[in-house]
């Protein structure tokens, strides 16, 4: 996607910022364990201090397994709240939530494996402003949303047909990407950084109005670090556009907060085809922010970036320009190597003061295109 001011590619609207949701209705609040209605839907209960309701609220050390969570009428399917640690979610189907299928906030030691997340996040309203989302909107609500979570593994899950993107790993703090703006949820005064996350062997498609996998920092001076995104398969579903927007796809590592840092990110051995945005995007998107030590290696990328038009499709994007001037943002030590890139106009497209190191990539571009374009 290009901005009109100077032709600069931008991911801000399509991935880390396509969001927004006024949660209408709440669901039935119950106490104790999760109840269920006769039709198989779960009775909604308060989700900690988030201001949401959830079909299932996890407890410390709990394993949630081998069940279907029908979250119809609830804001969230499974909620893992502040300080609730050592939770395992495995072989679970989560469907029908108004917002996130799984939402974990300000906690650690979470595993989500071999689960299916589909049909969540379709009761949405996209905020009109990226920098100042309006009251009542919800900035982010991925199928699997980890906001301020460390030491977590997401592996062998199937994430499809969700209305707000696929998997989101973001920091938390005074700006909580998973909280309704002006809502009743508790607001933190401190930053919650993120570290030690593995996102591996997941299959994602038809996740609309948000990217397939996003790793991002939003709060001023906060950090997201040591994230491995490996061996995931991302493809376009049967419909390029869904009820909430395009099937954006792609993998994104992005610093969105002023002076924030997203560092030590390994994006390897993924297959990304026919995404609306670039296949892999490394973006320093805020003043004085940086991405640092991001490696993009061994990925298979083809046919991505079609939202930008046939002469702007891109396999890998490395970007640190802001309009109207350089405001101290940078992509530091970015390496793009050993990728197979095809059916793109630009194989690797980069702009900003810190060009990526590129080597040993196998790139085939469309007529008139460039294998590597740096400006």
Protein backbone atom coordinates (compact mmCIF):
# COMPACT_ATOMS: atom_id res chain seq x y z
CA UNK A 1 0.00 0.00 0.00
CA UNK A 2 1.39 3.41 -0.92
CA UNK A 3 0.71 6.71 0.71
CA UNK A 4 -0.42 9.53 -1.56
CA UNK A 5 2.12 12.03 -0.27
CA UNK A 6 5.30 10.57 -1.74
CA UNK A 7 4.52 7.09 -2.97
CA UNK A 8 5.87 5.53 0.22
CA UNK A 9 4.66 2.05 1.03
CA UNK A 10 2.89 1.82 4.38
CA UNK A 11 1.61 -1.09 6.43
CA UNK A 12 0.12 1.00 9.20
CA UNK A 13 -3.50 0.82 8.15
CA UNK A 14 -3.54 -2.73 6.92
CA UNK A 15 -1.84 -4.59 9.76
CA UNK A 16 -0.96 -3.16 13.11
CA UNK A 17 -3.70 -0.57 13.01
CA UNK A 18 -6.64 -2.02 11.12
CA UNK A 19 -8.87 -2.52 14.09
CA UNK A 20 -11.68 -1.06 16.03
CA UNK A 21 -14.69 -2.42 17.66
CA UNK A 22 -17.56 -1.21 19.73
CA UNK A 23 -18.57 -4.23 21.76
CA UNK A 24 -22.30 -4.35 21.83
CA UNK A 25 -23.95 -6.37 24.50
CA UNK A 26 -22.00 -8.31 26.99
CA UNK A 27 -23.29 -11.79 27.45
CA UNK A 28 -24.50 -13.42 30.62
CA UNK A 29 -22.25 -13.02 33.66
CA UNK A 30 -21.92 -16.09 35.86
CA UNK A 31 -19.71 -16.92 38.81
CA UNK A 32 -17.47 -19.91 39.33
CA UNK A 33 -16.70 -22.24 36.44
CA UNK A 34 -17.89 -21.81 32.89
CA UNK A 35 -21.52 -22.63 32.39
CA UNK A 36 -23.17 -23.67 29.15
CA UNK A 37 -26.58 -23.19 27.58
CA UNK A 38 -28.60 -26.04 26.17
CA UNK A 39 -27.68 -25.09 22.61
CA UNK A 40 -23.98 -25.60 23.34
CA UNK A 41 -22.97 -21.97 23.68
CA UNK A 42 -21.06 -20.96 26.79
CA UNK A 43 -22.53 -18.61 29.38
CA UNK A 44 -20.45 -15.43 29.42
CA UNK A 45 -18.67 -14.40 32.60
CA UNK A 46 -16.58 -11.40 33.62
CA UNK A 47 -13.03 -11.57 32.26
CA UNK A 48 -11.01 -10.27 35.19
CA UNK A 49 -10.57 -6.50 35.15
CA UNK A 50 -10.56 -6.27 31.35
CA UNK A 51 -14.11 -4.98 31.06
CA UNK A 52 -14.91 -7.91 28.77
CA UNK A 53 -16.96 -11.03 29.14
CA UNK A 54 -15.51 -14.41 28.18
CA UNK A 55 -16.82 -17.90 27.62
CA UNK A 56 -13.85 -19.36 29.54
CA UNK A 57 -11.67 -17.57 32.10
CA UNK A 58 -8.41 -19.45 32.72
CA UNK A 59 -6.98 -20.09 36.20
CA UNK A 60 -3.35 -20.44 37.30
CA UNK A 61 -1.77 -23.66 36.05
CA UNK A 62 -4.89 -24.74 34.17
CA UNK A 63 -4.95 -26.98 31.11
CA UNK A 64 -7.91 -26.36 28.81
CA UNK A 65 -8.15 -29.21 26.33
CA UNK A 66 -10.26 -31.35 24.04
CA UNK A 67 -13.35 -29.18 23.89
CA UNK A 68 -15.22 -26.68 21.75
CA UNK A 69 -15.70 -23.20 23.14
CA UNK A 70 -18.73 -21.65 21.47
CA UNK A 71 -18.36 -18.03 22.55
CA UNK A 72 -21.41 -16.66 20.78
CA UNK A 73 -22.58 -13.57 22.67
CA UNK A 74 -19.31 -13.22 24.61
CA UNK A 75 -16.63 -10.63 23.95
CA UNK A 76 -13.78 -13.19 24.15
CA UNK A 77 -13.57 -16.96 23.79
CA UNK A 78 -10.80 -17.84 26.27
CA UNK A 79 -9.35 -15.15 28.53
CA UNK A 80 -5.99 -15.44 30.31
CA UNK A 81 -5.74 -12.46 32.64
CA UNK A 82 -3.08 -10.48 34.43
CA UNK A 83 -0.71 -12.73 36.39
CA UNK A 84 -2.46 -15.96 35.42
CA UNK A 85 0.55 -18.12 34.52
CA UNK A 86 1.37 -21.62 33.29
CA UNK A 87 -1.81 -22.01 31.24
CA UNK A 88 -1.99 -24.59 28.45
CA UNK A 89 -4.67 -24.52 25.75
CA UNK A 90 -4.53 -27.57 23.50
CA UNK A 91 -6.82 -29.32 21.04
CA UNK A 92 -9.54 -26.71 21.57
CA UNK A 93 -11.85 -25.10 19.02
CA UNK A 94 -12.74 -21.47 19.79
CA UNK A 95 -15.48 -19.88 17.72
CA UNK A 96 -18.05 -17.12 17.70
CA UNK A 97 -16.51 -14.49 20.01
CA UNK A 98 -17.31 -10.86 19.30
CA UNK A 99 -13.62 -9.95 19.52
CA UNK A 100 -10.54 -12.14 20.13
CA UNK A 101 -10.85 -15.90 20.13
CA UNK A 102 -8.07 -16.15 22.74
CA UNK A 103 -6.96 -13.05 24.64
CA UNK A 104 -4.01 -13.13 27.08
CA UNK A 105 -2.88 -9.94 28.83
CA UNK A 106 0.06 -9.06 31.10
CA UNK A 107 1.08 -12.59 31.99
CA UNK A 108 3.62 -15.29 31.13
CA UNK A 109 4.19 -18.98 30.44
CA UNK A 110 1.34 -19.69 28.06
CA UNK A 111 1.08 -22.47 25.48
CA UNK A 112 -1.55 -22.65 22.75
CA UNK A 113 -1.23 -25.74 20.56
CA UNK A 114 -3.14 -27.87 18.08
CA UNK A 115 -6.21 -25.68 18.41
CA UNK A 116 -8.61 -24.21 15.84
CA UNK A 117 -9.57 -20.54 16.07
CA UNK A 118 -12.28 -19.51 13.63
CA UNK A 119 -15.30 -17.28 13.27
CA UNK A 120 -14.25 -14.68 15.85
CA UNK A 121 -14.00 -10.90 15.66
CA UNK A 122 -16.79 -10.06 13.25
CA UNK A 123 -18.74 -7.61 15.45
CA UNK A 124 -16.34 -4.84 14.55
CA UNK A 125 -16.11 -1.14 13.81
CA UNK A 126 -12.75 0.12 12.50
CA UNK A 127 -11.52 3.30 14.24
CA UNK A 128 -11.37 6.32 12.04
CA UNK A 129 -8.03 7.44 13.49
CA UNK A 130 -4.82 5.45 13.89
CA UNK A 131 -3.13 7.92 16.23
CA UNK A 132 -6.21 8.73 18.27
CA UNK A 133 -8.77 5.91 18.10
CA UNK A 134 -12.17 7.07 19.16
CA UNK A 135 -13.95 6.09 22.36
CA UNK A 136 -15.74 2.78 22.08
CA UNK A 137 -13.31 1.28 19.57
CA UNK A 138 -11.06 -1.69 20.24
CA UNK A 139 -7.59 -1.21 18.74
CA UNK A 140 -6.73 -4.90 18.24
CA UNK A 141 -8.53 -8.25 18.41
CA UNK A 142 -6.70 -11.05 16.60
CA UNK A 143 -7.88 -14.62 16.54
CA UNK A 144 -5.08 -15.25 19.05
CA UNK A 145 -4.08 -12.06 20.88
CA UNK A 146 -1.09 -11.94 23.26
CA UNK A 147 -0.65 -8.43 24.68
CA UNK A 148 2.09 -8.00 27.28
CA UNK A 149 2.79 -11.75 27.43
CA UNK A 150 6.25 -13.35 27.72
CA UNK A 151 7.56 -16.93 27.59
CA UNK A 152 4.80 -18.21 25.31
CA UNK A 153 4.50 -20.78 22.54
CA UNK A 154 1.87 -20.82 19.80
CA UNK A 155 2.30 -23.95 17.70
CA UNK A 156 0.41 -26.16 15.26
CA UNK A 157 -2.77 -24.10 15.43
CA UNK A 158 -5.24 -23.48 12.61
CA UNK A 159 -6.39 -19.86 12.55
CA UNK A 160 -8.86 -18.90 9.84
CA UNK A 161 -12.01 -16.92 9.08
CA UNK A 162 -11.52 -14.32 11.80
CA UNK A 163 -12.57 -10.72 11.38
CA UNK A 164 -9.58 -8.92 12.93
CA UNK A 165 -6.43 -10.73 11.80
CA UNK A 166 -4.76 -13.99 12.75
CA UNK A 167 -2.07 -13.90 15.50
CA UNK A 168 -0.99 -10.72 17.27
CA UNK A 169 1.92 -10.45 19.74
CA UNK A 170 2.19 -6.94 21.19
CA UNK A 171 3.36 -5.13 24.30
CA UNK A 172 1.04 -3.69 26.92
CA UNK A 173 1.02 -0.62 29.12
CA UNK A 174 -0.79 2.71 29.33
CA UNK A 175 -1.90 1.91 25.80
CA UNK A 176 -3.50 -1.53 25.87
CA UNK A 177 -4.15 -2.73 22.31
CA UNK A 178 -6.71 -5.22 23.58
CA UNK A 179 -8.88 -2.83 25.56
CA UNK A 180 -11.85 -0.76 24.49
CA UNK A 181 -10.89 2.91 24.35
CA UNK A 182 -12.67 4.69 27.17
CA UNK A 183 -14.16 1.42 28.37
CA UNK A 184 -14.40 -0.07 31.84
CA UNK A 185 -11.18 -2.12 31.72
CA UNK A 186 -8.33 -1.38 34.11
CA UNK A 187 -5.57 0.89 32.77
CA UNK A 188 -1.93 0.14 33.61
CA UNK A 189 0.51 2.93 34.46
CA UNK A 190 3.57 0.80 33.69
CA UNK A 191 4.90 -0.83 30.56
CA UNK A 192 4.74 -4.59 30.10
CA UNK A 193 7.48 -5.64 27.68
CA UNK A 194 7.38 -8.89 25.72
CA UNK A 195 10.12 -11.50 25.29
CA UNK A 196 10.68 -15.16 24.45
CA UNK A 197 7.82 -16.00 22.08
CA UNK A 198 7.68 -18.87 19.59
CA UNK A 199 5.11 -18.85 16.78
CA UNK A 200 5.61 -22.03 14.79
CA UNK A 201 3.91 -24.43 12.40
CA UNK A 202 0.58 -22.59 12.39
CA UNK A 203 -1.73 -22.49 9.36
CA UNK A 204 -3.51 -19.19 8.69
CA UNK A 205 -5.90 -17.99 5.99
CA UNK A 206 -8.96 -15.78 5.56
CA UNK A 207 -8.20 -13.56 8.54
CA UNK A 208 -9.65 -10.25 7.47
CA UNK A 209 -8.89 -6.60 8.25
CA UNK A 210 -5.58 -7.43 9.93
CA UNK A 211 -2.37 -9.25 9.09
CA UNK A 212 -1.83 -12.95 9.59
CA UNK A 213 1.03 -12.58 12.11
CA UNK A 214 2.05 -9.31 13.76
CA UNK A 215 4.86 -8.68 16.27
CA UNK A 216 4.71 -5.08 17.47
CA UNK A 217 5.46 -2.57 20.24
CA UNK A 218 3.03 0.30 20.83
CA UNK A 219 3.92 1.93 24.14
CA UNK A 220 6.48 4.72 24.51
CA UNK A 221 9.93 3.25 25.15
CA UNK A 222 8.67 -0.30 25.45
CA UNK A 223 10.28 -3.43 23.98
CA UNK A 224 9.34 -6.64 22.21
CA UNK A 225 12.24 -9.05 21.85
CA UNK A 226 13.35 -12.62 21.17
CA UNK A 227 10.48 -13.75 18.96
CA UNK A 228 10.76 -16.69 16.55
CA UNK A 229 8.24 -16.86 13.71
CA UNK A 230 9.04 -20.12 11.95
CA UNK A 231 7.51 -22.73 9.65
CA UNK A 232 4.09 -21.09 9.46
CA UNK A 233 1.91 -21.34 6.35
CA UNK A 234 -0.07 -18.26 5.31
CA UNK A 235 -2.26 -18.28 2.24
CA UNK A 236 -5.25 -16.47 0.82
CA UNK A 237 -8.62 -18.07 1.35
CA UNK A 238 -11.37 -18.42 -1.22
CA UNK A 239 -12.40 -14.77 -0.87
CA UNK A 240 -9.86 -11.91 -1.01
CA UNK A 241 -12.33 -9.68 0.85
CA UNK A 242 -14.50 -10.60 3.81
CA UNK A 243 -17.20 -8.84 5.82
CA UNK A 244 -14.68 -6.68 7.71
CA UNK A 245 -12.06 -6.01 5.04
CA UNK A 246 -9.35 -7.66 2.92
CA UNK A 247 -7.55 -10.91 3.62
CA UNK A 248 -4.34 -9.03 4.45
CA UNK A 249 -2.05 -11.93 5.39
CA UNK A 250 1.71 -11.42 5.70
CA UNK A 251 4.15 -11.41 8.61
CA UNK A 252 5.00 -8.08 10.28
CA UNK A 253 7.66 -6.94 12.76
CA UNK A 254 6.92 -3.30 13.58
CA UNK A 255 7.82 -0.61 16.13
CA UNK A 256 4.70 1.54 16.52
CA UNK A 257 5.42 3.42 19.77
CA UNK A 258 7.68 6.44 20.08
CA UNK A 259 11.17 5.23 21.09
CA UNK A 260 9.95 1.62 21.14
CA UNK A 261 12.17 -1.28 20.07
CA UNK A 262 11.34 -4.56 18.37
CA UNK A 263 14.50 -6.66 18.43
CA UNK A 264 16.01 -10.10 17.92
CA UNK A 265 13.24 -11.34 15.66
CA UNK A 266 13.77 -14.46 13.56
CA UNK A 267 11.35 -14.89 10.64
CA UNK A 268 12.36 -18.17 9.04
CA UNK A 269 11.13 -21.03 6.87
CA UNK A 270 7.61 -19.66 6.48
CA UNK A 271 5.50 -19.99 3.34
CA UNK A 272 3.51 -16.84 2.54
CA UNK A 273 1.46 -16.71 -0.66
CA UNK A 274 -1.07 -14.28 -2.14
CA UNK A 275 -1.26 -11.96 0.86
CA UNK A 276 -2.84 -8.56 0.36
CA UNK A 277 0.24 -6.86 1.83
CA UNK A 278 3.92 -7.71 1.41
CA UNK A 279 4.94 -11.22 2.38
CA UNK A 280 7.28 -10.13 5.20
CA UNK A 281 7.40 -6.56 6.52
CA UNK A 282 10.00 -5.02 8.84
CA UNK A 283 8.87 -1.51 9.73
CA UNK A 284 10.10 1.21 12.08
CA UNK A 285 6.89 3.19 12.15
CA UNK A 286 7.26 5.79 14.92
CA UNK A 287 9.71 8.58 15.78
CA UNK A 288 12.90 7.40 17.51
CA UNK A 289 11.71 3.79 17.29
CA UNK A 290 13.67 0.92 15.84
CA UNK A 291 13.61 -2.63 14.66
CA UNK A 292 16.92 -4.28 15.52
CA UNK A 293 18.50 -7.61 14.66
CA UNK A 294 15.65 -8.86 12.48
CA UNK A 295 16.52 -11.84 10.28
CA UNK A 296 14.32 -12.90 7.37
CA UNK A 297 15.64 -16.20 6.07
CA UNK A 298 14.60 -19.34 4.26
CA UNK A 299 11.06 -18.18 3.52
CA UNK A 300 9.02 -18.98 0.39
CA UNK A 301 7.16 -15.84 -0.73
CA UNK A 302 4.95 -15.54 -3.79
CA UNK A 303 2.20 -13.30 -5.14
CA UNK A 304 2.05 -10.98 -2.14
CA UNK A 305 1.08 -7.31 -2.00
CA UNK A 306 -1.84 -7.36 -4.42
CA UNK A 307 -3.64 -4.62 -2.46
CA UNK A 308 -1.02 -2.20 -3.80
CA UNK A 309 -1.62 -3.01 -7.46
CA UNK A 310 0.35 -5.08 -9.98
CA UNK A 311 3.42 -2.80 -10.09
CA UNK A 312 3.78 -2.54 -6.31
CA UNK A 313 3.71 -6.17 -5.18
CA UNK A 314 6.55 -7.04 -2.80
CA UNK A 315 8.05 -10.13 -1.24
CA UNK A 316 10.01 -8.46 1.59
CA UNK A 317 9.65 -4.85 2.77
CA UNK A 318 12.14 -3.07 5.06
CA UNK A 319 10.96 0.47 5.81
CA UNK A 320 11.93 3.26 8.19
CA UNK A 321 10.75 6.41 6.45
CA UNK A 322 8.17 8.69 8.03
CA UNK A 323 6.37 11.58 6.39
CA UNK A 324 7.45 14.38 6.24
CA UNK A 325 10.97 13.81 7.59
CA UNK A 326 13.47 11.53 9.26
CA UNK A 327 12.46 11.49 12.92
CA UNK A 328 15.14 9.17 14.23
CA UNK A 329 13.48 5.86 13.41
CA UNK A 330 15.61 3.06 11.98
CA UNK A 331 15.92 -0.57 10.93
CA UNK A 332 19.19 -1.69 12.52
CA UNK A 333 20.95 -4.90 11.47
CA UNK A 334 18.26 -6.32 9.20
CA UNK A 335 19.33 -9.39 7.23
CA UNK A 336 17.36 -10.85 4.33
CA UNK A 337 18.92 -14.07 3.14
CA UNK A 338 18.22 -17.40 1.44
CA UNK A 339 14.58 -16.63 0.63
CA UNK A 340 12.79 -17.88 -2.49
CA UNK A 341 10.70 -15.01 -3.87
CA UNK A 342 8.55 -15.19 -7.00
CA UNK A 343 5.60 -13.57 -8.76
CA UNK A 344 6.35 -10.15 -7.27
CA UNK A 345 7.15 -6.81 -8.92
CA UNK A 346 9.76 -6.12 -6.25
CA UNK A 347 11.48 -9.05 -4.62
CA UNK A 348 12.97 -6.98 -1.79
CA UNK A 349 11.94 -3.34 -1.36
CA UNK A 350 13.64 -1.09 1.20
CA UNK A 351 13.79 2.56 2.13
CA UNK A 352 15.38 4.44 4.99
CA UNK A 353 18.89 5.15 6.26
CA UNK A 354 19.73 1.57 7.23
CA UNK A 355 19.44 -0.70 4.21
CA UNK A 356 19.15 -4.43 4.90
CA UNK A 357 21.95 -6.85 4.16
CA UNK A 358 20.79 -9.17 1.38
CA UNK A 359 22.43 -12.38 0.23
CA UNK A 360 21.75 -15.70 -1.47
CA UNK A 361 18.09 -14.96 -2.25
CA UNK A 362 16.46 -16.68 -5.24
CA UNK A 363 14.26 -13.94 -6.73
CA UNK A 364 12.06 -14.04 -9.84
CA UNK A 365 10.15 -10.83 -10.56
CA UNK A 366 7.32 -9.93 -12.89
CA UNK A 367 7.96 -8.03 -16.13
CA UNK A 368 9.48 -4.61 -15.47
CA UNK A 369 10.14 -5.35 -11.81
CA UNK A 370 13.33 -5.32 -9.72
CA UNK A 371 14.80 -8.10 -7.63
CA UNK A 372 16.15 -5.63 -5.04
CA UNK A 373 15.01 -2.02 -4.84
CA UNK A 374 16.60 0.27 -2.22
CA UNK A 375 15.83 3.98 -1.95
